[in-house]
Amino acid sequence: MTKKSLSIYIFSYNRVEFLANAIESCLNYSLSFDLTVIDDNSSDPETKILLHNLPDQVKLIQPLQNKTMRHGGLYNNMQMALESSTSDWMLFIQDDMQLVRPLEKDDYQYIEDFFKQFPKKAFLNPVFLKGQRHKRNQRITYINDNFPCYFRNSSGKKHQTGFSYTDVFIAHRTRLLDKDWVFSLNENENSLQAKENFGLMGFMASPFVMYLPQVPVYRGKYKTLAVKLAEKWSGSDPKSFIKKNKKNWDKFKARDLNNLPTAENYLECIDKNIKKPYQYSTVNNYIFLRIFHKLELLWNSVK
């Protein structure tokens, strides 16, 4: 394998416990890499303390952003990371995620081989599939004939999110720059330009990243009352995934690829009370709070 470099970027805002968990998973599970936290100017005192005391090998960037944006400064921050990086590949994750298994030499080789096999593609998805969407995943996901990865059948789909692009990915940096890529300010627009420039996004046969269940959600930099209540009732600690041994992950990598990499089949939460299929937003645990959450967002949008 030729020597290639991978940079990991964690995009974060005001979730100290989640950011700490994401950083720890990267430090525990990656080989040589550059790790950068891009914090969207957190205001929480505990988050500020963590950011001030990051391990020496973790870089910190806090760009100024427009606070009125729906996703804070996420896409501007992504653009800044793209333009400032010197790595061959870039892994973009968010603070409510973690690496769930060791990223080993064969994984680096897999990433390199994927981009060699598909010289026109710039995005590779490293995330497990969600069990709550299992039937849909079975319907739209197919195994590539010439390389061990998945693609999704997007024919007839109005929105391309999840087919050509998601906000979490491994990117081939130079291919993005060669196309003068500029992140748009919503996921669907990024998906449309990704489809136009690079076609369908690949999905790793053996992913290594996953969202944590039951996470407090922001809209922009705002939590609704429903989200605050759900967080209070469910607790604010990350529902992180347990470590599994190498034998377990070797078996996972060697499985029949007809067995889709669905998180609920391969990942277990430390908190055994977390039910499957996992709910990835805390507010979704409570039907009436979910309704109030949507009503408050609607009310705020028309004020």
Protein backbone atom coordinates (compact mmCIF):
# COMPACT_ATOMS: atom_id res chain seq x y z
CA MET A 1 0.00 0.00 0.00
CA THR A 2 1.31 3.42 -0.88
CA LYS A 3 1.53 5.84 2.02
CA LYS A 4 -1.72 7.82 2.14
CA SER A 5 -2.86 10.21 4.81
CA LEU A 6 -6.22 10.50 6.55
CA SER A 7 -7.44 13.52 8.47
CA ILE A 8 -10.37 13.25 10.87
CA TYR A 9 -12.56 16.28 11.55
CA ILE A 10 -15.11 16.32 14.38
CA PHE A 11 -17.72 19.07 14.03
CA SER A 12 -19.06 20.10 17.42
CA TYR A 13 -21.21 22.53 19.38
CA ASN A 14 -22.05 22.59 23.12
CA ARG A 15 -22.13 18.82 23.77
CA VAL A 16 -19.17 18.25 26.06
CA GLU A 17 -19.85 14.60 26.96
CA PHE A 18 -20.47 13.65 23.35
CA LEU A 19 -17.40 15.45 22.08
CA ALA A 20 -15.25 13.76 24.73
CA ASN A 21 -16.63 10.37 23.67
CA ALA A 22 -16.01 11.07 19.97
CA ILE A 23 -12.43 12.18 20.61
CA GLU A 24 -11.71 9.16 22.81
CA SER A 25 -13.02 6.78 20.15
CA CYS A 26 -10.75 8.35 17.52
CA LEU A 27 -7.70 8.17 19.78
CA ASN A 28 -8.46 4.56 20.71
CA TYR A 29 -9.35 3.19 17.30
CA SER A 30 -7.29 4.97 14.64
CA LEU A 31 -3.76 4.46 13.42
CA SER A 32 -1.69 7.48 12.42
CA PHE A 33 -3.92 10.40 11.53
CA ASP A 34 -4.52 14.10 12.08
CA LEU A 35 -7.48 14.81 14.39
CA THR A 36 -9.09 18.24 14.42
CA VAL A 37 -12.08 19.47 16.40
CA ILE A 38 -13.95 22.24 14.60
CA ASP A 39 -16.05 23.83 17.32
CA ASP A 40 -18.83 26.19 16.26
CA ASN A 41 -18.01 28.65 19.08
CA SER A 42 -19.53 26.70 21.96
CA SER A 43 -20.89 28.79 24.82
CA ASP A 44 -21.28 26.01 27.41
CA PRO A 45 -18.65 26.43 30.20
CA GLU A 46 -17.89 22.71 30.48
CA THR A 47 -17.41 22.41 26.73
CA LYS A 48 -15.04 25.37 26.83
CA ILE A 49 -12.98 23.65 29.55
CA LEU A 50 -12.72 20.49 27.46
CA LEU A 51 -11.68 22.47 24.40
CA HIS A 52 -9.03 24.28 26.42
CA ASN A 53 -7.59 20.97 27.65
CA LEU A 54 -7.57 18.83 24.51
CA PRO A 55 -4.82 16.20 24.18
CA ASP A 56 -1.69 17.49 22.47
CA GLN A 57 -2.38 15.48 19.30
CA VAL A 58 -5.84 17.04 18.83
CA LYS A 59 -6.06 20.36 17.00
CA LEU A 60 -8.80 22.92 17.63
CA ILE A 61 -10.35 25.39 15.20
CA GLN A 62 -13.14 27.80 16.20
CA PRO A 63 -14.17 29.82 13.15
CA LEU A 64 -16.61 32.70 13.40
CA GLN A 65 -19.97 31.81 11.91
CA ASN A 66 -23.39 33.24 11.21
CA LYS A 67 -25.55 32.13 14.15
CA THR A 68 -28.78 32.43 12.15
CA MET A 69 -27.92 29.47 9.91
CA ARG A 70 -30.11 26.39 10.43
CA HIS A 71 -27.11 24.15 11.04
CA GLY A 72 -24.98 26.80 12.68
CA GLY A 73 -21.80 27.05 10.66
CA LEU A 74 -21.55 23.37 9.72
CA TYR A 75 -21.19 23.74 5.95
CA ASN A 76 -18.90 26.75 6.13
CA ASN A 77 -16.78 24.78 8.60
CA MET A 78 -16.70 21.83 6.22
CA GLN A 79 -15.55 24.11 3.42
CA MET A 80 -12.80 25.55 5.59
CA ALA A 81 -11.62 22.03 6.48
CA LEU A 82 -11.58 21.03 2.81
CA GLU A 83 -9.57 24.06 1.73
CA SER A 84 -7.05 23.90 4.59
CA SER A 85 -6.33 20.16 4.64
CA THR A 86 -3.32 18.58 2.96
CA SER A 87 -4.44 14.96 3.45
CA ASP A 88 -5.40 12.53 0.71
CA TRP A 89 -8.61 11.56 2.47
CA MET A 90 -10.82 13.40 4.93
CA LEU A 91 -13.22 11.79 7.41
CA PHE A 92 -15.96 14.18 8.53
CA ILE A 93 -17.94 13.11 11.60
CA GLN A 94 -20.01 14.93 14.20
CA ASP A 95 -19.81 14.99 17.96
CA ASP A 96 -22.80 12.66 18.42
CA MET A 97 -20.90 9.85 16.69
CA GLN A 98 -18.03 7.53 17.53
CA LEU A 99 -15.63 5.14 15.91
CA VAL A 100 -16.88 1.71 16.98
CA ARG A 101 -14.01 -0.55 15.95
CA PRO A 102 -10.29 -0.33 15.19
CA LEU A 103 -9.40 1.33 11.91
CA GLU A 104 -6.69 -1.08 10.73
CA LYS A 105 -4.26 -1.37 7.84
CA ASP A 106 -6.73 -3.36 5.77
CA ASP A 107 -9.27 -0.56 6.20
CA TYR A 108 -6.80 2.00 4.86
CA GLN A 109 -6.10 -0.36 1.98
CA TYR A 110 -9.85 -0.73 1.37
CA ILE A 111 -10.29 3.06 1.19
CA GLU A 112 -7.40 3.38 -1.26
CA ASP A 113 -8.69 0.49 -3.38
CA PHE A 114 -12.20 1.95 -3.48
CA PHE A 115 -11.02 5.26 -4.91
CA LYS A 116 -8.76 3.43 -7.38
CA GLN A 117 -11.63 1.20 -8.50
CA PHE A 118 -13.94 4.21 -8.91
CA PRO A 119 -11.77 7.06 -10.23
CA LYS A 120 -14.76 9.41 -10.69
CA LYS A 121 -16.10 9.13 -7.15
CA ALA A 122 -15.22 11.41 -4.25
CA PHE A 123 -17.41 10.17 -1.39
CA LEU A 124 -17.36 6.92 0.61
CA ASN A 125 -19.78 6.37 3.48
CA PRO A 126 -18.20 4.73 6.60
CA VAL A 127 -21.40 4.59 8.71
CA PHE A 128 -23.47 1.57 9.79
CA LEU A 129 -27.06 1.46 8.55
CA LYS A 130 -29.95 2.23 10.89
CA GLY A 131 -32.21 -0.63 11.95
CA GLN A 132 -35.30 1.58 12.00
CA ARG A 133 -34.89 1.81 8.20
CA HIS A 134 -34.13 -1.87 7.65
CA LYS A 135 -36.89 -2.61 5.14
CA ARG A 136 -36.02 0.48 3.10
CA ASN A 137 -32.31 -0.39 3.24
CA GLN A 138 -33.02 -3.90 1.99
CA ARG A 139 -35.05 -2.48 -0.87
CA ILE A 140 -32.64 0.17 -2.14
CA THR A 141 -29.16 -1.16 -1.22
CA TYR A 142 -27.26 -3.44 -3.57
CA ILE A 143 -23.82 -5.06 -3.64
CA ASN A 144 -21.42 -3.87 -6.31
CA ASP A 145 -20.33 -6.64 -8.71
CA ASN A 146 -16.65 -5.72 -9.06
CA PHE A 147 -15.69 -4.38 -5.64
CA PRO A 148 -16.96 -5.25 -2.13
CA CYS A 149 -19.08 -2.20 -1.39
CA TYR A 150 -22.68 -1.09 -1.55
CA PHE A 151 -24.55 1.49 -3.59
CA ARG A 152 -28.15 2.64 -3.36
CA ASN A 153 -30.72 2.64 -6.14
CA SER A 154 -31.85 6.25 -6.42
CA SER A 155 -34.04 5.93 -9.52
CA GLY A 156 -37.24 7.90 -9.24
CA LYS A 157 -36.15 9.62 -6.01
CA LYS A 158 -36.83 13.35 -5.86
CA HIS A 159 -34.34 13.95 -3.06
CA GLN A 160 -30.82 12.54 -3.39
CA THR A 161 -29.78 12.75 0.27
CA GLY A 162 -28.40 9.37 1.30
CA PHE A 163 -27.66 8.25 -2.26
CA SER A 164 -24.88 10.50 -3.50
CA TYR A 165 -24.04 12.40 -0.31
CA THR A 166 -24.56 12.62 3.44
CA ASP A 167 -22.99 15.02 5.94
CA VAL A 168 -20.77 12.19 7.27
CA PHE A 169 -18.27 10.74 4.82
CA ILE A 170 -14.75 9.92 3.75
CA ALA A 171 -13.85 12.34 0.96
CA HIS A 172 -11.15 12.17 -1.71
CA ARG A 173 -9.87 15.71 -1.20
CA THR A 174 -8.22 16.37 -4.55
CA ARG A 175 -11.24 15.17 -6.50
CA LEU A 176 -13.44 17.65 -4.65
CA LEU A 177 -10.97 20.46 -5.28
CA ASP A 178 -10.63 19.51 -8.95
CA LYS A 179 -14.39 20.08 -9.30
CA ASP A 180 -14.19 23.40 -7.40
CA TRP A 181 -16.49 21.89 -4.80
CA VAL A 182 -18.26 24.36 -2.51
CA PHE A 183 -20.55 23.07 0.23
CA SER A 184 -24.09 24.38 -0.08
CA LEU A 185 -26.04 25.30 3.04
CA ASN A 186 -28.32 22.25 3.08
CA GLU A 187 -27.84 18.53 2.66
CA ASN A 188 -30.12 18.08 -0.33
CA GLU A 189 -28.31 20.71 -2.41
CA ASN A 190 -24.99 19.05 -1.57
CA SER A 191 -26.53 15.74 -2.62
CA LEU A 192 -27.62 17.14 -5.97
CA GLN A 193 -24.19 18.57 -6.79
CA ALA A 194 -22.53 15.35 -5.59
CA LYS A 195 -24.73 13.33 -7.95
CA GLU A 196 -23.91 15.64 -10.84
CA ASN A 197 -20.15 15.57 -10.22
CA PHE A 198 -19.49 12.12 -8.81
CA GLY A 199 -22.55 9.91 -9.23
CA LEU A 200 -23.66 7.57 -6.46
CA MET A 201 -21.78 7.43 -3.18
CA GLY A 202 -20.18 4.18 -2.09
CA PHE A 203 -20.99 2.53 1.24
CA MET A 204 -18.24 0.58 2.99
CA ALA A 205 -18.78 -3.15 3.25
CA SER A 206 -17.43 -3.01 6.80
CA PRO A 207 -18.16 0.43 8.26
CA PHE A 208 -16.49 1.70 11.42
CA VAL A 209 -18.51 4.79 12.42
CA MET A 210 -21.97 5.14 13.98
CA TYR A 211 -24.35 7.69 15.42
CA LEU A 212 -25.08 7.33 19.12
CA PRO A 213 -28.67 6.59 20.10
CA GLN A 214 -30.83 9.11 21.96
CA VAL A 215 -28.92 12.30 21.33
CA PRO A 216 -30.22 15.79 22.22
CA VAL A 217 -30.77 17.57 18.92
CA TYR A 218 -30.21 21.18 17.96
CA ARG A 219 -31.81 23.18 15.17
CA GLY A 220 -29.21 25.78 14.42
CA LYS A 221 -27.98 26.52 17.94
CA TYR A 222 -31.38 26.12 19.59
CA LYS A 223 -33.04 23.35 21.64
CA THR A 224 -36.81 23.24 21.81
CA LEU A 225 -38.55 22.81 25.17
CA ALA A 226 -39.46 19.27 24.12
CA VAL A 227 -35.81 18.42 23.49
CA LYS A 228 -34.81 19.86 26.88
CA LEU A 229 -37.45 17.75 28.63
CA ALA A 230 -36.47 14.60 26.72
CA GLU A 231 -32.83 15.18 27.61
CA LYS A 232 -33.76 15.63 31.28
CA TRP A 233 -35.78 12.41 31.35
CA SER A 234 -33.36 10.27 29.33
CA GLY A 235 -30.15 11.73 30.75
CA SER A 236 -27.47 13.67 28.94
CA ASP A 237 -24.72 11.03 29.03
CA PRO A 238 -23.72 9.56 25.65
CA LYS A 239 -25.24 6.14 24.98
CA SER A 240 -21.91 4.90 23.70
CA PHE A 241 -21.18 1.49 22.18
CA ILE A 242 -19.19 -1.22 23.95
CA LYS A 243 -15.78 -2.34 22.75
CA LYS A 244 -15.61 -5.72 21.02
CA ASN A 245 -12.55 -7.86 20.43
CA LYS A 246 -10.61 -8.38 17.22
CA LYS A 247 -12.11 -11.84 16.63
CA ASN A 248 -15.56 -10.31 16.58
CA TRP A 249 -14.58 -7.67 14.01
CA ASP A 250 -12.67 -10.15 11.83
CA LYS A 251 -15.87 -12.20 11.66
CA PHE A 252 -17.82 -9.05 10.78
CA LYS A 253 -15.48 -8.24 7.90
CA ALA A 254 -15.64 -11.81 6.59
CA ARG A 255 -19.46 -12.05 6.61
CA ASP A 256 -21.65 -12.60 3.55
CA LEU A 257 -22.29 -9.09 2.22
CA ASN A 258 -25.95 -9.95 1.74
CA ASN A 259 -26.06 -9.34 5.50
CA LEU A 260 -26.21 -5.56 5.47
CA PRO A 261 -24.11 -3.75 8.10
CA THR A 262 -27.08 -2.73 10.25
CA ALA A 263 -26.01 -1.20 13.56
CA GLU A 264 -28.48 -3.14 15.70
CA ASN A 265 -27.04 -6.45 14.48
CA TYR A 266 -23.42 -5.65 15.32
CA LEU A 267 -23.31 -2.88 17.94
CA GLU A 268 -24.40 -2.94 21.58
CA CYS A 269 -24.86 0.06 23.84
CA ILE A 270 -23.16 0.15 27.20
CA ASP A 271 -26.57 1.10 28.60
CA LYS A 272 -28.55 -2.13 28.31
CA ASN A 273 -31.82 -0.25 28.73
CA ILE A 274 -31.54 1.25 25.24
CA LYS A 275 -34.11 -0.52 23.10
CA LYS A 276 -33.70 -1.65 19.51
CA PRO A 277 -34.17 -0.41 16.88
CA TYR A 278 -32.25 2.57 18.20
CA GLN A 279 -33.83 6.00 18.24
CA TYR A 280 -31.18 8.53 17.32
CA SER A 281 -32.92 11.61 18.69
CA THR A 282 -33.84 11.67 22.39
CA VAL A 283 -37.11 13.45 21.69
CA ASN A 284 -38.28 10.55 19.51
CA ASN A 285 -38.49 8.35 22.63
CA TYR A 286 -41.60 10.25 23.65
CA ILE A 287 -44.36 10.53 21.05
CA PHE A 288 -46.07 13.54 22.63
CA LEU A 289 -42.75 15.39 23.02
CA ARG A 290 -41.96 14.69 19.39
CA ILE A 291 -45.24 16.34 18.41
CA PHE A 292 -44.54 19.37 20.62
CA HIS A 293 -41.01 19.55 19.20
CA LYS A 294 -42.31 19.78 15.64
CA LEU A 295 -44.98 22.31 16.61
CA GLU A 296 -42.40 24.56 18.28
CA LEU A 297 -40.13 24.38 15.24
CA LEU A 298 -43.08 25.25 13.01
CA TRP A 299 -44.06 28.15 15.26
CA ASN A 300 -40.49 29.50 15.24
CA SER A 301 -40.35 29.29 11.45
CA VAL A 302 -43.41 31.51 10.98
CA LYS A 303 -42.74 34.10 13.70
